[in-house]
């Protein structure tokens, strides 16, 4: 699987969120490097599961849309008179 690479702005924002979380919830000051390492750990451990779930959701949605399109195409067929 490919390595998940976040844009710098998004990564910086997530690191700030992690630091804020530790400060508010645990009363601990977490450095930028430690928060970045924690983010990398979570991406490595959680990323594949979240990615696979998103693909499964996408497959379901596309399947539903394809079925709907197929039904629409059948409704366009001309009916022969007897």
PDB file of N, CA and C in Angstrom:
ATOM      1  N   UNK A   1       0.831  -1.174   0.000  1.00  0.00           N
ATOM      2  CA  UNK A   1       0.000   0.000   0.000  1.00  0.00           C
ATOM      3  C   UNK A   1       0.878   1.241   0.000  1.00  0.00           C
ATOM      4  N   UNK A   2       0.379   2.282  -0.670  1.00  0.00           N
ATOM      5  CA  UNK A   2       1.121   3.536  -0.716  1.00  0.00           C
ATOM      6  C   UNK A   2       1.165   4.188   0.657  1.00  0.00           C
ATOM      7  N   UNK A   3       2.199   4.950   0.865  1.00  0.00           N
ATOM      8  CA  UNK A   3       2.330   5.726   2.089  1.00  0.00           C
ATOM      9  C   UNK A   3       1.391   6.929   1.971  1.00  0.00           C
ATOM     10  N   UNK A   4       0.652   7.212   3.025  1.00  0.00           N
ATOM     11  CA  UNK A   4      -0.256   8.343   3.017  1.00  0.00           C
ATOM     12  C   UNK A   4       0.553   9.610   3.291  1.00  0.00           C
ATOM     13  N   UNK A   5       0.529  10.521   2.337  1.00  0.00           N
ATOM     14  CA  UNK A   5       1.266  11.778   2.448  1.00  0.00           C
ATOM     15  C   UNK A   5       0.254  12.910   2.517  1.00  0.00           C
ATOM     16  N   UNK A   6       0.269  13.626   3.618  1.00  0.00           N
ATOM     17  CA  UNK A   6      -0.649  14.740   3.809  1.00  0.00           C
ATOM     18  C   UNK A   6      -0.015  16.035   3.321  1.00  0.00           C
ATOM     19  N   UNK A   7      -0.829  16.930   2.758  1.00  0.00           N
ATOM     20  CA  UNK A   7      -0.302  18.259   2.425  1.00  0.00           C
ATOM     21  C   UNK A   7       0.200  18.944   3.698  1.00  0.00           C
ATOM     22  N   UNK A   8       1.218  19.791   3.553  1.00  0.00           N
ATOM     23  CA  UNK A   8       1.847  20.431   4.707  1.00  0.00           C
ATOM     24  C   UNK A   8       0.841  21.183   5.577  1.00  0.00           C
ATOM     25  N   UNK A   9      -0.070  21.929   4.948  1.00  0.00           N
ATOM     26  CA  UNK A   9      -1.047  22.705   5.714  1.00  0.00           C
ATOM     27  C   UNK A   9      -1.941  21.782   6.545  1.00  0.00           C
ATOM     28  N   UNK A  10      -2.369  20.680   5.951  1.00  0.00           N
ATOM     29  CA  UNK A  10      -3.230  19.737   6.663  1.00  0.00           C
ATOM     30  C   UNK A  10      -2.465  19.060   7.792  1.00  0.00           C
ATOM     31  N   UNK A  11      -1.236  18.666   7.518  1.00  0.00           N
ATOM     32  CA  UNK A  11      -0.403  18.027   8.545  1.00  0.00           C
ATOM     33  C   UNK A  11      -0.171  18.977   9.721  1.00  0.00           C
ATOM     34  N   UNK A  12       0.175  20.218   9.408  1.00  0.00           N
ATOM     35  CA  UNK A  12       0.403  21.214  10.465  1.00  0.00           C
ATOM     36  C   UNK A  12      -0.848  21.417  11.309  1.00  0.00           C
ATOM     37  N   UNK A  13      -2.007  21.461  10.657  1.00  0.00           N
ATOM     38  CA  UNK A  13      -3.271  21.643  11.369  1.00  0.00           C
ATOM     39  C   UNK A  13      -3.564  20.453  12.287  1.00  0.00           C
ATOM     40  N   UNK A  14      -3.317  19.247  11.799  1.00  0.00           N
ATOM     41  CA  UNK A  14      -3.551  18.048  12.616  1.00  0.00           C
ATOM     42  C   UNK A  14      -2.594  17.990  13.805  1.00  0.00           C
ATOM     43  N   UNK A  15      -1.351  18.383  13.583  1.00  0.00           N
ATOM     44  CA  UNK A  15      -0.384  18.412  14.683  1.00  0.00           C
ATOM     45  C   UNK A  15      -0.836  19.410  15.742  1.00  0.00           C
ATOM     46  N   UNK A  16      -1.316  20.568  15.324  1.00  0.00           N
ATOM     47  CA  UNK A  16      -1.825  21.562  16.274  1.00  0.00           C
ATOM     48  C   UNK A  16      -3.030  21.006  17.032  1.00  0.00           C
ATOM     49  N   UNK A  17      -3.910  20.273  16.340  1.00  0.00           N
ATOM     50  CA  UNK A  17      -5.072  19.658  16.999  1.00  0.00           C
ATOM     51  C   UNK A  17      -4.637  18.640  18.050  1.00  0.00           C
ATOM     52  N   UNK A  18      -3.628  17.841  17.727  1.00  0.00           N
ATOM     53  CA  UNK A  18      -3.125  16.838  18.672  1.00  0.00           C
ATOM     54  C   UNK A  18      -2.538  17.528  19.900  1.00  0.00           C
ATOM     55  N   UNK A  19      -1.767  18.580  19.657  1.00  0.00           N
ATOM     56  CA  UNK A  19      -1.164  19.311  20.775  1.00  0.00           C
ATOM     57  C   UNK A  19      -2.239  19.925  21.661  1.00  0.00           C
ATOM     58  N   UNK A  20      -3.263  20.530  21.037  1.00  0.00           N
ATOM     59  CA  UNK A  20      -4.372  21.117  21.801  1.00  0.00           C
ATOM     60  C   UNK A  20      -5.107  20.052  22.608  1.00  0.00           C
ATOM     61  N   UNK A  21      -5.332  18.888  21.990  1.00  0.00           N
ATOM     62  CA  UNK A  21      -6.033  17.796  22.677  1.00  0.00           C
ATOM     63  C   UNK A  21      -5.279  17.389  23.938  1.00  0.00           C
ATOM     64  N   UNK A  22      -3.980  17.171  23.811  1.00  0.00           N
ATOM     65  CA  UNK A  22      -3.199  16.750  24.976  1.00  0.00           C
ATOM     66  C   UNK A  22      -3.190  17.825  26.064  1.00  0.00           C
ATOM     67  N   UNK A  23      -3.160  19.076  25.640  1.00  0.00           N
ATOM     68  CA  UNK A  23      -3.166  20.166  26.616  1.00  0.00           C
ATOM     69  C   UNK A  23      -4.502  20.221  27.360  1.00  0.00           C
ATOM     70  N   UNK A  24      -5.618  20.159  26.630  1.00  0.00           N
ATOM     71  CA  UNK A  24      -6.948  20.285  27.234  1.00  0.00           C
ATOM     72  C   UNK A  24      -7.341  19.027  28.002  1.00  0.00           C
ATOM     73  N   UNK A  25      -7.175  17.869  27.386  1.00  0.00           N
ATOM     74  CA  UNK A  25      -7.673  16.616  27.975  1.00  0.00           C
ATOM     75  C   UNK A  25      -6.744  16.011  29.018  1.00  0.00           C
ATOM     76  N   UNK A  26      -5.452  16.233  28.876  1.00  0.00           N
ATOM     77  CA  UNK A  26      -4.495  15.587  29.790  1.00  0.00           C
ATOM     78  C   UNK A  26      -3.646  16.580  30.576  1.00  0.00           C
ATOM     79  N   UNK A  27      -3.778  17.863  30.254  1.00  0.00           N
ATOM     80  CA  UNK A  27      -2.970  18.860  30.955  1.00  0.00           C
ATOM     81  C   UNK A  27      -1.492  18.711  30.685  1.00  0.00           C
ATOM     82  N   UNK A  28      -1.156  18.142  29.530  1.00  0.00           N
ATOM     83  CA  UNK A  28       0.247  17.919  29.169  1.00  0.00           C
ATOM     84  C   UNK A  28       0.608  18.754  27.949  1.00  0.00           C
ATOM     85  N   UNK A  29       1.821  19.249  27.955  1.00  0.00           N
ATOM     86  CA  UNK A  29       2.320  19.969  26.789  1.00  0.00           C
ATOM     87  C   UNK A  29       3.076  18.974  25.924  1.00  0.00           C
ATOM     88  N   UNK A  30       2.607  18.853  24.697  1.00  0.00           N
ATOM     89  CA  UNK A  30       3.225  17.925  23.751  1.00  0.00           C
ATOM     90  C   UNK A  30       3.954  18.755  22.705  1.00  0.00           C
ATOM     91  N   UNK A  31       5.227  18.446  22.493  1.00  0.00           N
ATOM     92  CA  UNK A  31       6.006  19.179  21.503  1.00  0.00           C
ATOM     93  C   UNK A  31       5.559  18.868  20.086  1.00  0.00           C
ATOM     94  N   UNK A  32       5.989  19.708  19.163  1.00  0.00           N
ATOM     95  CA  UNK A  32       5.607  19.533  17.763  1.00  0.00           C
ATOM     96  C   UNK A  32       6.146  18.219  17.193  1.00  0.00           C
ATOM     97  N   UNK A  33       7.370  17.873  17.531  1.00  0.00           N
ATOM     98  CA  UNK A  33       7.963  16.628  17.039  1.00  0.00           C
ATOM     99  C   UNK A  33       7.206  15.420  17.583  1.00  0.00           C
ATOM    100  N   UNK A  34       6.903  15.424  18.872  1.00  0.00           N
ATOM    101  CA  UNK A  34       6.162  14.314  19.481  1.00  0.00           C
ATOM    102  C   UNK A  34       4.771  14.189  18.873  1.00  0.00           C
ATOM    103  N   UNK A  35       4.101  15.318  18.650  1.00  0.00           N
ATOM    104  CA  UNK A  35       2.767  15.289  18.046  1.00  0.00           C
ATOM    105  C   UNK A  35       2.846  14.783  16.602  1.00  0.00           C
ATOM    106  N   UNK A  36       3.882  15.177  15.888  1.00  0.00           N
ATOM    107  CA  UNK A  36       4.087  14.691  14.521  1.00  0.00           C
ATOM    108  C   UNK A  36       4.335  13.194  14.488  1.00  0.00           C
ATOM    109  N   UNK A  37       5.128  12.713  15.434  1.00  0.00           N
ATOM    110  CA  UNK A  37       5.381  11.272  15.520  1.00  0.00           C
ATOM    111  C   UNK A  37       4.109  10.503  15.868  1.00  0.00           C
ATOM    112  N   UNK A  38       3.299  11.068  16.747  1.00  0.00           N
ATOM    113  CA  UNK A  38       2.023  10.444  17.100  1.00  0.00           C
ATOM    114  C   UNK A  38       1.093  10.408  15.892  1.00  0.00           C
ATOM    115  N   UNK A  39       1.043  11.504  15.145  1.00  0.00           N
ATOM    116  CA  UNK A  39       0.235  11.544  13.925  1.00  0.00           C
ATOM    117  C   UNK A  39       0.701  10.473  12.938  1.00  0.00           C
ATOM    118  N   UNK A  40       2.000  10.354  12.728  1.00  0.00           N
ATOM    119  CA  UNK A  40       2.541   9.332  11.822  1.00  0.00           C
ATOM    120  C   UNK A  40       2.153   7.925  12.283  1.00  0.00           C
ATOM    121  N   UNK A  41       2.227   7.692  13.591  1.00  0.00           N
ATOM    122  CA  UNK A  41       1.864   6.385  14.144  1.00  0.00           C
ATOM    123  C   UNK A  41       0.405   6.066  13.851  1.00  0.00           C
ATOM    124  N   UNK A  42      -0.485   7.035  14.124  1.00  0.00           N
ATOM    125  CA  UNK A  42      -1.910   6.799  13.889  1.00  0.00           C
ATOM    126  C   UNK A  42      -2.219   6.613  12.408  1.00  0.00           C
ATOM    127  N   UNK A  43      -1.572   7.378  11.560  1.00  0.00           N
ATOM    128  CA  UNK A  43      -1.784   7.207  10.117  1.00  0.00           C
ATOM    129  C   UNK A  43      -1.348   5.810   9.690  1.00  0.00           C
ATOM    130  N   UNK A  44      -0.215   5.364  10.184  1.00  0.00           N
ATOM    131  CA  UNK A  44       0.299   4.040   9.828  1.00  0.00           C
ATOM    132  C   UNK A  44      -0.626   2.935  10.328  1.00  0.00           C
ATOM    133  N   UNK A  45      -1.111   3.067  11.551  1.00  0.00           N
ATOM    134  CA  UNK A  45      -1.926   2.010  12.157  1.00  0.00           C
ATOM    135  C   UNK A  45      -3.387   2.074  11.738  1.00  0.00           C
ATOM    136  N   UNK A  46      -3.956   3.283  11.656  1.00  0.00           N
ATOM    137  CA  UNK A  46      -5.376   3.439  11.356  1.00  0.00           C
ATOM    138  C   UNK A  46      -5.660   3.678   9.876  1.00  0.00           C
ATOM    139  N   UNK A  47      -4.694   4.243   9.184  1.00  0.00           N
ATOM    140  CA  UNK A  47      -4.894   4.621   7.788  1.00  0.00           C
ATOM    141  C   UNK A  47      -5.428   3.504   6.900  1.00  0.00           C
ATOM    142  N   UNK A  48      -4.814   2.319   6.899  1.00  0.00           N
ATOM    143  CA  UNK A  48      -5.309   1.257   6.018  1.00  0.00           C
ATOM    144  C   UNK A  48      -6.754   0.847   6.310  1.00  0.00           C
ATOM    145  N   UNK A  49      -7.133   0.767   7.575  1.00  0.00           N
ATOM    146  CA  UNK A  49      -8.504   0.381   7.920  1.00  0.00           C
ATOM    147  C   UNK A  49      -9.505   1.437   7.471  1.00  0.00           C
ATOM    148  N   UNK A  50      -9.180   2.702   7.715  1.00  0.00           N
ATOM    149  CA  UNK A  50     -10.070   3.789   7.317  1.00  0.00           C
ATOM    150  C   UNK A  50     -10.165   3.848   5.788  1.00  0.00           C
ATOM    151  N   UNK A  51      -9.044   3.695   5.119  1.00  0.00           N
ATOM    152  CA  UNK A  51      -9.010   3.715   3.651  1.00  0.00           C
ATOM    153  C   UNK A  51      -9.849   2.582   3.074  1.00  0.00           C
ATOM    154  N   UNK A  52      -9.680   1.388   3.613  1.00  0.00           N
ATOM    155  CA  UNK A  52     -10.445   0.237   3.113  1.00  0.00           C
ATOM    156  C   UNK A  52     -11.938   0.397   3.371  1.00  0.00           C
ATOM    157  N   UNK A  53     -12.307   0.964   4.506  1.00  0.00           N
ATOM    158  CA  UNK A  53     -13.721   1.212   4.792  1.00  0.00           C
ATOM    159  C   UNK A  53     -14.287   2.226   3.799  1.00  0.00           C
ATOM    160  N   UNK A  54     -13.510   3.265   3.495  1.00  0.00           N
ATOM    161  CA  UNK A  54     -13.957   4.269   2.528  1.00  0.00           C
ATOM    162  C   UNK A  54     -14.141   3.645   1.148  1.00  0.00           C
ATOM    163  N   UNK A  55     -13.232   2.755   0.747  1.00  0.00           N
ATOM    164  CA  UNK A  55     -13.381   2.065  -0.535  1.00  0.00           C
ATOM    165  C   UNK A  55     -14.624   1.183  -0.545  1.00  0.00           C
ATOM    166  N   UNK A  56     -14.894   0.505   0.557  1.00  0.00           N
ATOM    167  CA  UNK A  56     -16.097  -0.320   0.656  1.00  0.00           C
ATOM    168  C   UNK A  56     -17.358   0.516   0.535  1.00  0.00           C
ATOM    169  N   UNK A  57     -17.375   1.659   1.207  1.00  0.00           N
ATOM    170  CA  UNK A  57     -18.517   2.572   1.111  1.00  0.00           C
ATOM    171  C   UNK A  57     -18.688   3.064  -0.323  1.00  0.00           C
ATOM    172  N   UNK A  58     -17.583   3.364  -0.971  1.00  0.00           N
ATOM    173  CA  UNK A  58     -17.614   3.829  -2.357  1.00  0.00           C
ATOM    174  C   UNK A  58     -18.151   2.733  -3.280  1.00  0.00           C
ATOM    175  N   UNK A  59     -17.692   1.499  -3.088  1.00  0.00           N
ATOM    176  CA  UNK A  59     -18.190   0.374  -3.894  1.00  0.00           C
ATOM    177  C   UNK A  59     -19.697   0.232  -3.758  1.00  0.00           C
ATOM    178  N   UNK A  60     -20.196   0.330  -2.541  1.00  0.00           N
ATOM    179  CA  UNK A  60     -21.637   0.225  -2.296  1.00  0.00           C
ATOM    180  C   UNK A  60     -22.387   1.337  -3.015  1.00  0.00           C
ATOM    181  N   UNK A  61     -21.913   2.561  -2.896  1.00  0.00           N
ATOM    182  CA  UNK A  61     -22.559   3.700  -3.526  1.00  0.00           C
ATOM    183  C   UNK A  61     -22.552   3.571  -5.050  1.00  0.00           C
ATOM    184  N   UNK A  62     -21.404   3.205  -5.604  1.00  0.00           N
ATOM    185  CA  UNK A  62     -21.311   3.050  -7.064  1.00  0.00           C
ATOM    186  C   UNK A  62     -22.224   1.918  -7.531  1.00  0.00           C
ATOM    187  N   UNK A  63     -22.286   0.832  -6.789  1.00  0.00           N
ATOM    188  CA  UNK A  63     -23.183  -0.274  -7.142  1.00  0.00           C
ATOM    189  C   UNK A  63     -24.636   0.163  -7.157  1.00  0.00           C
ATOM    190  N   UNK A  64     -25.032   0.957  -6.166  1.00  0.00           N
ATOM    191  CA  UNK A  64     -26.414   1.457  -6.119  1.00  0.00           C
ATOM    192  C   UNK A  64     -26.691   2.382  -7.303  1.00  0.00           C
ATOM    193  N   UNK A  65     -25.745   3.232  -7.620  1.00  0.00           N
ATOM    194  CA  UNK A  65     -25.928   4.153  -8.745  1.00  0.00           C
ATOM    195  C   UNK A  65     -26.000   3.392 -10.069  1.00  0.00           C
ATOM    196  N   UNK A  66     -25.168   2.370 -10.214  1.00  0.00           N
ATOM    197  CA  UNK A  66     -25.185   1.576 -11.458  1.00  0.00           C
ATOM    198  C   UNK A  66     -26.525   0.855 -11.615  1.00  0.00           C
ATOM    199  N   UNK A  67     -27.049   0.317 -10.535  1.00  0.00           N
ATOM    200  CA  UNK A  67     -28.339  -0.353 -10.579  1.00  0.00           C
ATOM    201  C   UNK A  67     -29.433   0.628 -10.972  1.00  0.00           C
ATOM    202  N   UNK A  68     -29.385   1.815 -10.417  1.00  0.00           N
ATOM    203  CA  UNK A  68     -30.367   2.842 -10.745  1.00  0.00           C
ATOM    204  C   UNK A  68     -30.269   3.237 -12.217  1.00  0.00           C
ATOM    205  N   UNK A  69     -29.045   3.381 -12.726  1.00  0.00           N
ATOM    206  CA  UNK A  69     -28.855   3.724 -14.142  1.00  0.00           C
ATOM    207  C   UNK A  69     -29.379   2.616 -15.047  1.00  0.00           C
ATOM    208  N   UNK A  70     -29.123   1.371 -14.660  1.00  0.00           N
ATOM    209  CA  UNK A  70     -29.610   0.239 -15.446  1.00  0.00           C
ATOM    210  C   UNK A  70     -31.137   0.249 -15.495  1.00  0.00           C
ATOM    211  N   UNK A  71     -31.773   0.507 -14.371  1.00  0.00           N
ATOM    212  CA  UNK A  71     -33.237   0.582 -14.331  1.00  0.00           C
ATOM    213  C   UNK A  71     -33.735   1.716 -15.217  1.00  0.00           C
ATOM    214  N   UNK A  72     -33.038   2.857 -15.185  1.00  0.00           N
ATOM    215  CA  UNK A  72     -33.420   3.984 -16.035  1.00  0.00           C
ATOM    216  C   UNK A  72     -33.287   3.627 -17.514  1.00  0.00           C
ATOM    217  N   UNK A  73     -32.248   2.894 -17.877  1.00  0.00           N
ATOM    218  CA  UNK A  73     -32.066   2.510 -19.282  1.00  0.00           C
ATOM    219  C   UNK A  73     -33.168   1.553 -19.732  1.00  0.00           C
ATOM    220  N   UNK A  74     -33.540   0.606 -18.879  1.00  0.00           N
ATOM    221  CA  UNK A  74     -34.631  -0.302 -19.240  1.00  0.00           C
ATOM    222  C   UNK A  74     -35.941   0.460 -19.414  1.00  0.00           C
ATOM    223  N   UNK A  75     -36.145   1.502 -18.625  1.00  0.00           N
ATOM    224  CA  UNK A  75     -37.389   2.268 -18.732  1.00  0.00           C
ATOM    225  C   UNK A  75     -37.459   3.049 -20.046  1.00  0.00           C
ATOM    226  N   UNK A  76     -36.323   3.260 -20.692  1.00  0.00           N
ATOM    227  CA  UNK A  76     -36.293   3.981 -21.966  1.00  0.00           C
ATOM    228  C   UNK A  76     -36.578   3.090 -23.173  1.00  0.00           C
ATOM    229  N   UNK A  77     -36.544   1.789 -22.964  1.00  0.00           N
ATOM    230  CA  UNK A  77     -36.791   0.877 -24.093  1.00  0.00           C
ATOM    231  C   UNK A  77     -38.220   1.055 -24.612  1.00  0.00           C
ATOM    232  N   UNK A  78     -38.348   0.935 -25.908  1.00  0.00           N
ATOM    233  CA  UNK A  78     -39.672   1.015 -26.518  1.00  0.00           C
ATOM    234  C   UNK A  78     -40.385  -0.305 -26.288  1.00  0.00           C
ATOM    235  N   UNK A  79     -41.611  -0.180 -25.958  1.00  0.00           N
ATOM    236  CA  UNK A  79     -42.441  -1.374 -25.771  1.00  0.00           C
ATOM    237  C   UNK A  79     -43.132  -1.687 -27.100  1.00  0.00           C
ATOM    238  N   UNK A  80     -43.056  -2.947 -27.535  1.00  0.00           N
ATOM    239  CA  UNK A  80     -43.725  -3.355 -28.765  1.00  0.00           C
ATOM    240  C   UNK A  80     -45.196  -3.580 -28.495  1.00  0.00           C
ATOM    241  N   UNK A  81     -46.027  -3.163 -29.469  1.00  0.00           N
ATOM    242  CA  UNK A  81     -47.458  -3.394 -29.348  1.00  0.00           C
ATOM    243  C   UNK A  81     -47.779  -4.780 -29.853  1.00  0.00           C
ATOM    244  N   UNK A  82     -48.733  -5.414 -29.235  1.00  0.00           N
ATOM    245  CA  UNK A  82     -49.141  -6.748 -29.657  1.00  0.00           C
ATOM    246  C   UNK A  82     -50.283  -6.670 -30.617  1.00  0.00           C
TER     247      UNK A  82
END
